[in-house]
PDB file of N, CA and C in Angstrom:
ATOM      1  N   MET A   1      57.972 101.060 108.969  1.00  0.00           N
ATOM      2  CA  MET A   1      58.501 102.438 108.681  1.00  0.00           C
ATOM      3  C   MET A   1      60.256 102.427 109.334  1.00  0.00           C
ATOM      4  N   SER A   2      60.352 102.095 110.708  1.00  0.00           N
ATOM      5  CA  SER A   2      61.424 102.596 111.269  1.00  0.00           C
ATOM      6  C   SER A   2      62.326 101.124 110.381  1.00  0.00           C
ATOM      7  N   GLY A   3      62.131 100.569 109.820  1.00  0.00           N
ATOM      8  CA  GLY A   3      62.666  99.127 109.450  1.00  0.00           C
ATOM      9  C   GLY A   3      63.898  99.572 107.927  1.00  0.00           C
ATOM     10  N   LEU A   4      62.734 100.599 107.202  1.00  0.00           N
ATOM     11  CA  LEU A   4      63.240 101.044 106.100  1.00  0.00           C
ATOM     12  C   LEU A   4      64.452 102.118 106.455  1.00  0.00           C
ATOM     13  N   SER A   5      64.011 102.874 107.105  1.00  0.00           N
ATOM     14  CA  SER A   5      64.877 104.245 107.945  1.00  0.00           C
ATOM     15  C   SER A   5      65.895 103.621 108.228  1.00  0.00           C
ATOM     16  N   PHE A   6      66.304 102.599 108.925  1.00  0.00           N
ATOM     17  CA  PHE A   6      67.943 101.911 109.284  1.00  0.00           C
ATOM     18  C   PHE A   6      68.081 101.515 108.391  1.00  0.00           C
ATOM     19  N   ARG A   7      67.621 100.652 107.118  1.00  0.00           N
ATOM     20  CA  ARG A   7      68.009 100.266 106.218  1.00  0.00           C
ATOM     21  C   ARG A   7      68.853 101.269 105.187  1.00  0.00           C
ATOM     22  N   LEU A   8      68.308 102.174 104.886  1.00  0.00           N
ATOM     23  CA  LEU A   8      68.843 103.547 104.498  1.00  0.00           C
ATOM     24  C   LEU A   8      70.080 103.705 105.295  1.00  0.00           C
ATOM     25  N   THR A   9      69.769 104.058 106.731  1.00  0.00           N
ATOM     26  CA  THR A   9      70.903 104.530 107.502  1.00  0.00           C
ATOM     27  C   THR A   9      72.255 103.329 106.869  1.00  0.00           C
ATOM     28  N   GLU A  10      72.330 101.961 107.235  1.00  0.00           N
ATOM     29  CA  GLU A  10      73.161 101.457 106.514  1.00  0.00           C
ATOM     30  C   GLU A  10      73.610 101.237 105.133  1.00  0.00           C
ATOM     31  N   ILE A  11      72.599 101.782 104.194  1.00  0.00           N
ATOM     32  CA  ILE A  11      72.839 101.754 102.556  1.00  0.00           C
ATOM     33  C   ILE A  11      74.151 103.328 102.820  1.00  0.00           C
ATOM     34  N   ARG A  12      73.626 104.342 103.430  1.00  0.00           N
ATOM     35  CA  ARG A  12      74.534 105.695 103.262  1.00  0.00           C
ATOM     36  C   ARG A  12      75.570 105.261 103.731  1.00  0.00           C
ATOM     37  N   SER A  13      75.790 104.750 105.152  1.00  0.00           N
ATOM     38  CA  SER A  13      77.023 104.764 105.569  1.00  0.00           C
ATOM     39  C   SER A  13      77.987 103.817 105.168  1.00  0.00           C
ATOM     40  N   PHE A  14      77.397 103.133 104.248  1.00  0.00           N
ATOM     41  CA  PHE A  14      78.377 102.125 103.623  1.00  0.00           C
ATOM     42  C   PHE A  14      78.867 102.775 102.237  1.00  0.00           C
ATOM     43  N   LEU A  15      77.807 103.471 101.631  1.00  0.00           N
ATOM     44  CA  LEU A  15      77.968 104.487 100.214  1.00  0.00           C
ATOM     45  C   LEU A  15      78.882 105.809 100.391  1.00  0.00           C
ATOM     46  N   LEU A  16      78.613 106.437 101.542  1.00  0.00           N
ATOM     47  CA  LEU A  16      79.354 107.572 101.659  1.00  0.00           C
ATOM     48  C   LEU A  16      81.134 107.368 101.805  1.00  0.00           C
ATOM     49  N   PRO A  17      81.604 106.054 102.318  1.00  0.00           N
ATOM     50  CA  PRO A  17      83.380 106.455 102.213  1.00  0.00           C
ATOM     51  C   PRO A  17      83.296 106.056 101.134  1.00  0.00           C
ATOM     52  N   VAL A  18      83.054 105.230 100.279  1.00  0.00           N
ATOM     53  CA  VAL A  18      83.327 104.504  98.943  1.00  0.00           C
ATOM     54  C   VAL A  18      83.187 105.621  98.103  1.00  0.00           C
ATOM     55  N   SER A  19      82.082 106.288  98.145  1.00  0.00           N
ATOM     56  CA  SER A  19      82.039 107.486  97.663  1.00  0.00           C
ATOM     57  C   SER A  19      83.009 108.585  97.440  1.00  0.00           C
ATOM     58  N   GLN A  20      83.747 108.361  98.512  1.00  0.00           N
ATOM     59  CA  GLN A  20      84.906 109.505  98.832  1.00  0.00           C
ATOM     60  C   GLN A  20      86.170 108.943  98.296  1.00  0.00           C
ATOM     61  N   PHE A  21      86.270 107.555  98.521  1.00  0.00           N
ATOM     62  CA  PHE A  21      87.968 107.332  97.790  1.00  0.00           C
ATOM     63  C   PHE A  21      87.325 107.023  96.747  1.00  0.00           C
ATOM     64  N   VAL A  22      86.525 106.762  95.751  1.00  0.00           N
ATOM     65  CA  VAL A  22      86.294 106.394  94.341  1.00  0.00           C
ATOM     66  C   VAL A  22      86.421 108.385  93.672  1.00  0.00           C
ATOM     67  N   ALA A  23      85.956 109.281  94.582  1.00  0.00           N
ATOM     68  CA  ALA A  23      86.182 110.503  94.260  1.00  0.00           C
ATOM     69  C   ALA A  23      87.252 111.147  94.192  1.00  0.00           C
ATOM     70  N   TRP A  24      88.361 110.776  94.778  1.00  0.00           N
ATOM     71  CA  TRP A  24      89.802 111.637  94.791  1.00  0.00           C
ATOM     72  C   TRP A  24      90.396 110.996  93.398  1.00  0.00           C
ATOM     73  N   PRO A  25      90.731 110.005  93.008  1.00  0.00           N
ATOM     74  CA  PRO A  25      91.508 109.581  92.053  1.00  0.00           C
ATOM     75  C   PRO A  25      90.621 110.428  90.858  1.00  0.00           C
ATOM     76  N   ILE A  26      89.402 110.439  91.179  1.00  0.00           N
ATOM     77  CA  ILE A  26      88.543 110.953  89.747  1.00  0.00           C
ATOM     78  C   ILE A  26      88.693 112.729  89.861  1.00  0.00           C
ATOM     79  N   PHE A  27      88.639 112.926  90.711  1.00  0.00           N
ATOM     80  CA  PHE A  27      89.191 114.626  90.964  1.00  0.00           C
ATOM     81  C   PHE A  27      90.571 114.630  90.256  1.00  0.00           C
ATOM     82  N   PHE A  28      91.898 113.907  90.136  1.00  0.00           N
ATOM     83  CA  PHE A  28      92.902 114.037  90.434  1.00  0.00           C
ATOM     84  C   PHE A  28      92.878 114.212  88.590  1.00  0.00           C
ATOM     85  N   LEU A  29      92.702 113.506  88.220  1.00  0.00           N
ATOM     86  CA  LEU A  29      92.483 113.178  86.376  1.00  0.00           C
ATOM     87  C   LEU A  29      92.138 114.026  85.946  1.00  0.00           C
ATOM     88  N   LEU A  30      90.393 114.336  86.725  1.00  0.00           N
ATOM     89  CA  LEU A  30      89.850 116.006  85.932  1.00  0.00           C
ATOM     90  C   LEU A  30      90.568 116.868  85.813  1.00  0.00           C
ATOM     91  N   THR A  31      91.568 116.856  87.056  1.00  0.00           N
ATOM     92  CA  THR A  31      91.985 118.339  86.987  1.00  0.00           C
ATOM     93  C   THR A  31      93.605 118.027  86.094  1.00  0.00           C
ATOM     94  N   SER A  32      93.999 116.838  85.935  1.00  0.00           N
ATOM     95  CA  SER A  32      95.106 116.981  85.143  1.00  0.00           C
ATOM     96  C   SER A  32      95.083 117.209  83.931  1.00  0.00           C
ATOM     97  N   ALA A  33      93.419 116.574  83.391  1.00  0.00           N
ATOM     98  CA  ALA A  33      93.458 117.264  82.085  1.00  0.00           C
ATOM     99  C   ALA A  33      92.905 118.250  81.773  1.00  0.00           C
ATOM    100  N   ILE A  34      92.542 119.148  82.956  1.00  0.00           N
ATOM    101  CA  ILE A  34      91.873 120.292  82.159  1.00  0.00           C
ATOM    102  C   ILE A  34      93.322 121.365  82.877  1.00  0.00           C
ATOM    103  N   SER A  35      94.604 120.441  83.182  1.00  0.00           N
ATOM    104  CA  SER A  35      95.393 121.430  84.178  1.00  0.00           C
ATOM    105  C   SER A  35      95.519 122.449  85.141  1.00  0.00           C
ATOM    106  N   GLN A  36      94.739 121.885  85.837  1.00  0.00           N
ATOM    107  CA  GLN A  36      94.219 122.683  86.899  1.00  0.00           C
ATOM    108  C   GLN A  36      94.734 121.701  88.398  1.00  0.00           C
ATOM    109  N   GLN A  37      95.849 121.204  88.334  1.00  0.00           N
ATOM    110  CA  GLN A  37      96.110 120.313  89.156  1.00  0.00           C
ATOM    111  C   GLN A  37      96.492 121.141  90.832  1.00  0.00           C
ATOM    112  N   PRO A  38      97.207 122.334  90.803  1.00  0.00           N
ATOM    113  CA  PRO A  38      97.198 123.098  91.999  1.00  0.00           C
ATOM    114  C   PRO A  38      96.040 122.925  92.771  1.00  0.00           C
ATOM    115  N   SER A  39      94.645 123.248  91.952  1.00  0.00           N
ATOM    116  CA  SER A  39      93.508 122.987  93.197  1.00  0.00           C
ATOM    117  C   SER A  39      93.126 122.018  94.008  1.00  0.00           C
ATOM    118  N   TYR A  40      94.045 121.125  92.791  1.00  0.00           N
ATOM    119  CA  TYR A  40      93.531 119.506  93.356  1.00  0.00           C
ATOM    120  C   TYR A  40      94.571 119.534  94.544  1.00  0.00           C
ATOM    121  N   PHE A  41      95.579 119.768  94.549  1.00  0.00           N
ATOM    122  CA  PHE A  41      96.944 119.606  95.350  1.00  0.00           C
ATOM    123  C   PHE A  41      96.335 120.272  96.430  1.00  0.00           C
ATOM    124  N   LEU A  42      95.849 121.307  96.285  1.00  0.00           N
ATOM    125  CA  LEU A  42      95.577 122.811  97.674  1.00  0.00           C
ATOM    126  C   LEU A  42      93.844 122.384  98.186  1.00  0.00           C
ATOM    127  N   ALA A  43      92.948 121.399  97.748  1.00  0.00           N
ATOM    128  CA  ALA A  43      92.228 120.769  98.320  1.00  0.00           C
ATOM    129  C   ALA A  43      92.721 119.287  99.163  1.00  0.00           C
ATOM    130  N   LEU A  44      93.574 118.608  98.611  1.00  0.00           N
ATOM    131  CA  LEU A  44      94.262 117.257  99.250  1.00  0.00           C
ATOM    132  C   LEU A  44      94.312 117.829 100.737  1.00  0.00           C
ATOM    133  N   LEU A  45      95.555 119.083 100.382  1.00  0.00           N
ATOM    134  CA  LEU A  45      96.176 119.065 101.380  1.00  0.00           C
ATOM    135  C   LEU A  45      94.808 119.918 102.970  1.00  0.00           C
ATOM    136  N   LEU A  46      93.963 120.574 102.129  1.00  0.00           N
ATOM    137  CA  LEU A  46      93.275 121.240 103.156  1.00  0.00           C
ATOM    138  C   LEU A  46      92.341 120.082 103.705  1.00  0.00           C
ATOM    139  N   VAL A  47      92.359 119.390 103.109  1.00  0.00           N
ATOM    140  CA  VAL A  47      91.348 118.281 103.836  1.00  0.00           C
ATOM    141  C   VAL A  47      92.257 117.146 104.970  1.00  0.00           C
ATOM    142  N   LEU A  48      93.543 116.946 104.186  1.00  0.00           N
ATOM    143  CA  LEU A  48      94.064 116.264 105.297  1.00  0.00           C
ATOM    144  C   LEU A  48      94.511 117.130 106.390  1.00  0.00           C
ATOM    145  N   ALA A  49      94.886 118.506 106.219  1.00  0.00           N
ATOM    146  CA  ALA A  49      94.938 119.551 107.345  1.00  0.00           C
ATOM    147  C   ALA A  49      93.687 119.203 108.669  1.00  0.00           C
ATOM    148  N   ALA A  50      92.321 119.226 108.074  1.00  0.00           N
ATOM    149  CA  ALA A  50      91.147 118.934 109.259  1.00  0.00           C
ATOM    150  C   ALA A  50      91.314 117.869 109.366  1.00  0.00           C
ATOM    151  N   ASP A  51      91.573 116.735 108.661  1.00  0.00           N
ATOM    152  CA  ASP A  51      91.893 115.101 109.067  1.00  0.00           C
ATOM    153  C   ASP A  51      92.632 115.645 110.552  1.00  0.00           C
ATOM    154  N   VAL A  52      93.834 115.937 110.101  1.00  0.00           N
ATOM    155  CA  VAL A  52      94.838 115.877 111.475  1.00  0.00           C
ATOM    156  C   VAL A  52      94.255 116.645 112.425  1.00  0.00           C
ATOM    157  N   ILE A  53      93.880 117.408 112.598  1.00  0.00           N
ATOM    158  CA  ILE A  53      93.187 118.558 113.659  1.00  0.00           C
ATOM    159  C   ILE A  53      92.302 117.912 114.257  1.00  0.00           C
ATOM    160  N   ASP A  54      91.471 117.638 113.745  1.00  0.00           N
ATOM    161  CA  ASP A  54      90.099 116.400 113.880  1.00  0.00           C
ATOM    162  C   ASP A  54      90.414 115.532 115.279  1.00  0.00           C
ATOM    163  N   LYS A  55      89.479 116.423 116.339  1.00  0.00           N
ATOM    164  CA  LYS A  55      89.915 115.457 117.839  1.00  0.00           C
ATOM    165  C   LYS A  55      89.533 114.039 118.151  1.00  0.00           C
ATOM    166  N   SER A  56      88.262 113.715 117.099  1.00  0.00           N
ATOM    167  CA  SER A  56      87.296 112.393 117.566  1.00  0.00           C
ATOM    168  C   SER A  56      88.650 111.722 117.332  1.00  0.00           C
ATOM    169  N   PRO A  57      88.255 110.230 118.057  1.00  0.00           N
ATOM    170  CA  PRO A  57      88.731 109.036 117.867  1.00  0.00           C
ATOM    171  C   PRO A  57      88.390 108.238 116.305  1.00  0.00           C
ATOM    172  N   ARG A  58      87.968 108.890 115.581  1.00  0.00           N
ATOM    173  CA  ARG A  58      87.282 107.669 114.438  1.00  0.00           C
ATOM    174  C   ARG A  58      88.280 108.372 113.579  1.00  0.00           C
ATOM    175  N   ASN A  59      89.122 107.113 112.316  1.00  0.00           N
ATOM    176  CA  ASN A  59      89.875 107.813 111.704  1.00  0.00           C
ATOM    177  C   ASN A  59      89.668 107.349 110.442  1.00  0.00           C
ATOM    178  N   ARG A  60      88.026 107.485 109.850  1.00  0.00           N
ATOM    179  CA  ARG A  60      87.612 107.513 108.873  1.00  0.00           C
ATOM    180  C   ARG A  60      88.610 108.086 107.684  1.00  0.00           C
ATOM    181  N   GLY A  61      88.271 109.645 108.156  1.00  0.00           N
ATOM    182  CA  GLY A  61      88.767 110.759 107.383  1.00  0.00           C
ATOM    183  C   GLY A  61      90.414 110.543 107.016  1.00  0.00           C
ATOM    184  N   LEU A  62      91.082 110.047 108.079  1.00  0.00           N
ATOM    185  CA  LEU A  62      92.918 109.973 107.584  1.00  0.00           C
ATOM    186  C   LEU A  62      92.646 109.101 106.730  1.00  0.00           C
ATOM    187  N   PHE A  63      91.967 107.625 107.226  1.00  0.00           N
ATOM    188  CA  PHE A  63      92.047 106.130 106.165  1.00  0.00           C
ATOM    189  C   PHE A  63      91.716 106.838 104.554  1.00  0.00           C
ATOM    190  N   ARG A  64      90.709 107.537 104.477  1.00  0.00           N
ATOM    191  CA  ARG A  64      90.527 108.367 103.059  1.00  0.00           C
ATOM    192  C   ARG A  64      91.551 109.068 102.616  1.00  0.00           C
ATOM    193  N   ASP A  65      92.842 109.711 103.423  1.00  0.00           N
ATOM    194  CA  ASP A  65      93.683 110.550 103.149  1.00  0.00           C
ATOM    195  C   ASP A  65      94.762 109.807 102.621  1.00  0.00           C
ATOM    196  N   LEU A  66      95.021 108.815 103.391  1.00  0.00           N
ATOM    197  CA  LEU A  66      95.801 107.352 103.083  1.00  0.00           C
ATOM    198  C   LEU A  66      95.514 107.383 101.429  1.00  0.00           C
ATOM    199  N   VAL A  67      93.997 106.838 101.662  1.00  0.00           N
ATOM    200  CA  VAL A  67      93.990 106.115 100.084  1.00  0.00           C
ATOM    201  C   VAL A  67      94.204 107.058  99.249  1.00  0.00           C
ATOM    202  N   ALA A  68      93.594 108.465  99.390  1.00  0.00           N
ATOM    203  CA  ALA A  68      93.472 109.732  97.980  1.00  0.00           C
ATOM    204  C   ALA A  68      94.921 109.757  98.411  1.00  0.00           C
ATOM    205  N   GLY A  69      96.022 110.281  99.110  1.00  0.00           N
ATOM    206  CA  GLY A  69      97.353 110.322  98.990  1.00  0.00           C
ATOM    207  C   GLY A  69      98.312 108.819  98.414  1.00  0.00           C
ATOM    208  N   GLY A  70      98.065 107.930  98.806  1.00  0.00           N
ATOM    209  CA  GLY A  70      98.009 106.760  97.942  1.00  0.00           C
ATOM    210  C   GLY A  70      97.916 106.715  96.340  1.00  0.00           C
ATOM    211  N   ALA A  71      96.751 106.710  96.092  1.00  0.00           N
ATOM    212  CA  ALA A  71      95.995 107.157  94.970  1.00  0.00           C
ATOM    213  C   ALA A  71      96.604 108.191  93.653  1.00  0.00           C
ATOM    214  N   THR A  72      96.660 109.578  94.510  1.00  0.00           N
ATOM    215  CA  THR A  72      97.589 110.980  94.192  1.00  0.00           C
ATOM    216  C   THR A  72      98.681 110.140  93.103  1.00  0.00           C
ATOM    217  N   THR A  73      99.474 109.174  94.417  1.00  0.00           N
ATOM    218  CA  THR A  73     101.128 109.000  93.673  1.00  0.00           C
ATOM    219  C   THR A  73     101.156 108.048  92.800  1.00  0.00           C
ATOM    220  N   VAL A  74     100.543 107.220  92.530  1.00  0.00           N
ATOM    221  CA  VAL A  74     100.455 106.217  91.927  1.00  0.00           C
ATOM    222  C   VAL A  74      99.829 106.647  90.379  1.00  0.00           C
ATOM    223  N   LEU A  75      98.876 107.423  90.873  1.00  0.00           N
ATOM    224  CA  LEU A  75      98.416 108.086  88.907  1.00  0.00           C
ATOM    225  C   LEU A  75      99.305 109.538  88.705  1.00  0.00           C
ATOM    226  N   ALA A  76      99.692 109.881  89.554  1.00  0.00           N
ATOM    227  CA  ALA A  76     100.876 110.531  89.127  1.00  0.00           C
ATOM    228  C   ALA A  76     102.358 110.211  88.417  1.00  0.00           C
ATOM    229  N   LEU A  77     102.584 108.745  89.251  1.00  0.00           N
ATOM    230  CA  LEU A  77     103.917 107.801  88.673  1.00  0.00           C
ATOM    231  C   LEU A  77     103.731 107.484  86.990  1.00  0.00           C
ATOM    232  N   PHE A  78     102.324 107.123  86.880  1.00  0.00           N
ATOM    233  CA  PHE A  78     101.870 106.935  85.086  1.00  0.00           C
ATOM    234  C   PHE A  78     101.762 107.986  84.409  1.00  0.00           C
ATOM    235  N   LEU A  79     101.426 109.271  84.775  1.00  0.00           N
ATOM    236  CA  LEU A  79     101.176 110.413  84.366  1.00  0.00           C
ATOM    237  C   LEU A  79     102.699 111.159  83.944  1.00  0.00           C
ATOM    238  N   ASN A  80     103.813 110.839  84.797  1.00  0.00           N
ATOM    239  CA  ASN A  80     105.114 110.955  85.033  1.00  0.00           C
ATOM    240  C   ASN A  80     105.093 112.638  85.427  1.00  0.00           C
ATOM    241  N   ASP A  81     104.061 112.836  86.802  1.00  0.00           N
ATOM    242  CA  ASP A  81     103.739 114.078  87.339  1.00  0.00           C
ATOM    243  C   ASP A  81     105.264 114.384  88.954  1.00  0.00           C
ATOM    244  N   LEU A  82     106.130 114.724  88.560  1.00  0.00           N
ATOM    245  CA  LEU A  82     107.001 115.144  89.738  1.00  0.00           C
ATOM    246  C   LEU A  82     106.041 115.635  90.857  1.00  0.00           C
ATOM    247  N   ASN A  83     105.283 116.607  90.932  1.00  0.00           N
ATOM    248  CA  ASN A  83     104.367 117.291  91.868  1.00  0.00           C
ATOM    249  C   ASN A  83     103.302 116.536  92.371  1.00  0.00           C
ATOM    250  N   GLY A  84     103.067 115.618  91.782  1.00  0.00           N
ATOM    251  CA  GLY A  84     101.702 114.870  92.125  1.00  0.00           C
ATOM    252  C   GLY A  84     102.175 113.700  92.757  1.00  0.00           C
ATOM    253  N   VAL A  85     103.809 113.150  92.635  1.00  0.00           N
ATOM    254  CA  VAL A  85     104.235 112.203  93.424  1.00  0.00           C
ATOM    255  C   VAL A  85     104.633 112.630  94.578  1.00  0.00           C
ATOM    256  N   VAL A  86     105.303 113.665  94.394  1.00  0.00           N
ATOM    257  CA  VAL A  86     105.397 114.592  95.904  1.00  0.00           C
ATOM    258  C   VAL A  86     105.010 114.476  96.824  1.00  0.00           C
ATOM    259  N   ILE A  87     103.429 115.452  96.519  1.00  0.00           N
ATOM    260  CA  ILE A  87     102.253 115.671  97.414  1.00  0.00           C
ATOM    261  C   ILE A  87     101.948 114.480  97.784  1.00  0.00           C
ATOM    262  N   GLY A  88     101.596 113.746  97.152  1.00  0.00           N
ATOM    263  CA  GLY A  88     101.065 112.299  97.749  1.00  0.00           C
ATOM    264  C   GLY A  88     101.322 111.705  97.823  1.00  0.00           C
ATOM    265  N   ALA A  89     102.369 111.690  98.262  1.00  0.00           N
ATOM    266  CA  ALA A  89     103.775 110.860  98.927  1.00  0.00           C
ATOM    267  C   ALA A  89     103.667 111.642 100.411  1.00  0.00           C
ATOM    268  N   ILE A  90     103.647 112.944 100.485  1.00  0.00           N
ATOM    269  CA  ILE A  90     103.289 113.369 101.674  1.00  0.00           C
ATOM    270  C   ILE A  90     102.359 113.273 102.373  1.00  0.00           C
ATOM    271  N   VAL A  91     100.937 113.627 101.601  1.00  0.00           N
ATOM    272  CA  VAL A  91      99.851 113.331 102.647  1.00  0.00           C
ATOM    273  C   VAL A  91      99.989 111.805 102.732  1.00  0.00           C
ATOM    274  N   ALA A  92      99.826 110.570 102.176  1.00  0.00           N
ATOM    275  CA  ALA A  92     100.019 109.246 102.538  1.00  0.00           C
ATOM    276  C   ALA A  92     100.869 109.356 103.618  1.00  0.00           C
ATOM    277  N   VAL A  93     102.258 109.568 103.894  1.00  0.00           N
ATOM    278  CA  VAL A  93     102.805 109.586 104.627  1.00  0.00           C
ATOM    279  C   VAL A  93     102.386 110.125 106.081  1.00  0.00           C
ATOM    280  N   ALA A  94     101.833 112.083 106.111  1.00  0.00           N
ATOM    281  CA  ALA A  94     101.302 112.296 107.159  1.00  0.00           C
ATOM    282  C   ALA A  94      99.944 111.533 108.015  1.00  0.00           C
ATOM    283  N   ALA A  95      99.274 111.165 107.204  1.00  0.00           N
ATOM    284  CA  ALA A  95      97.745 110.559 107.220  1.00  0.00           C
ATOM    285  C   ALA A  95      98.444 109.194 107.878  1.00  0.00           C
ATOM    286  N   THR A  96      99.299 108.284 107.399  1.00  0.00           N
ATOM    287  CA  THR A  96      99.461 107.340 108.133  1.00  0.00           C
ATOM    288  C   THR A  96     100.178 107.367 109.496  1.00  0.00           C
ATOM    289  N   SER A  97     100.862 108.441 109.199  1.00  0.00           N
ATOM    290  CA  SER A  97     101.807 108.563 110.814  1.00  0.00           C
ATOM    291  C   SER A  97     100.900 109.483 111.911  1.00  0.00           C
ATOM    292  N   ARG A  98      99.562 109.863 111.469  1.00  0.00           N
ATOM    293  CA  ARG A  98      98.744 110.349 112.402  1.00  0.00           C
ATOM    294  C   ARG A  98      97.765 108.882 112.651  1.00  0.00           C
ATOM    295  N   VAL A  99      97.415 108.241 111.541  1.00  0.00           N
ATOM    296  CA  VAL A  99      96.821 106.738 112.079  1.00  0.00           C
ATOM    297  C   VAL A  99      97.219 106.336 113.129  1.00  0.00           C
ATOM    298  N   VAL A 100      98.675 105.853 113.158  1.00  0.00           N
ATOM    299  CA  VAL A 100      99.588 105.149 114.077  1.00  0.00           C
ATOM    300  C   VAL A 100      99.382 105.671 115.479  1.00  0.00           C
ATOM    301  N   GLN A 101      99.562 107.192 114.926  1.00  0.00           N
ATOM    302  CA  GLN A 101      99.470 108.055 116.751  1.00  0.00           C
ATOM    303  C   GLN A 101      98.175 108.211 117.352  1.00  0.00           C
ATOM    304  N   LYS A 102      97.222 108.045 116.717  1.00  0.00           N
ATOM    305  CA  LYS A 102      95.853 107.846 117.196  1.00  0.00           C
ATOM    306  C   LYS A 102      95.463 106.381 117.427  1.00  0.00           C
ATOM    307  N   LEU A 103      96.166 105.502 116.981  1.00  0.00           N
ATOM    308  CA  LEU A 103      96.122 104.194 117.388  1.00  0.00           C
ATOM    309  C   LEU A 103      96.778 103.919 118.927  1.00  0.00           C
ATOM    310  N   ASN A 104      97.683 104.213 119.244  1.00  0.00           N
ATOM    311  CA  ASN A 104      98.833 103.906 120.014  1.00  0.00           C
ATOM    312  C   ASN A 104      97.970 104.950 121.006  1.00  0.00           C
TER     313      ASN A 104
END
């Protein structure tokens, strides 16, 4: 039984980050479709703030923020949304600088 529990833990540890990376672009497209982008931007900035303040040595949240910011920027470019480009770029740059700072 412990082998099954260990295997489920391995699968969960793989699926959780993948689902988080996939969720941000989908959330951006959905909020764009229903004209609720401010809520997306607020969520993106709040998650970034929580990950920047986090003192743990793990960088998974910051990498998620980097991918979310980059995906937001790229999708906003395709949708001609200047606010999305700016906020996505700010999130990506802030997450990148914090990752570099944590690695040093």
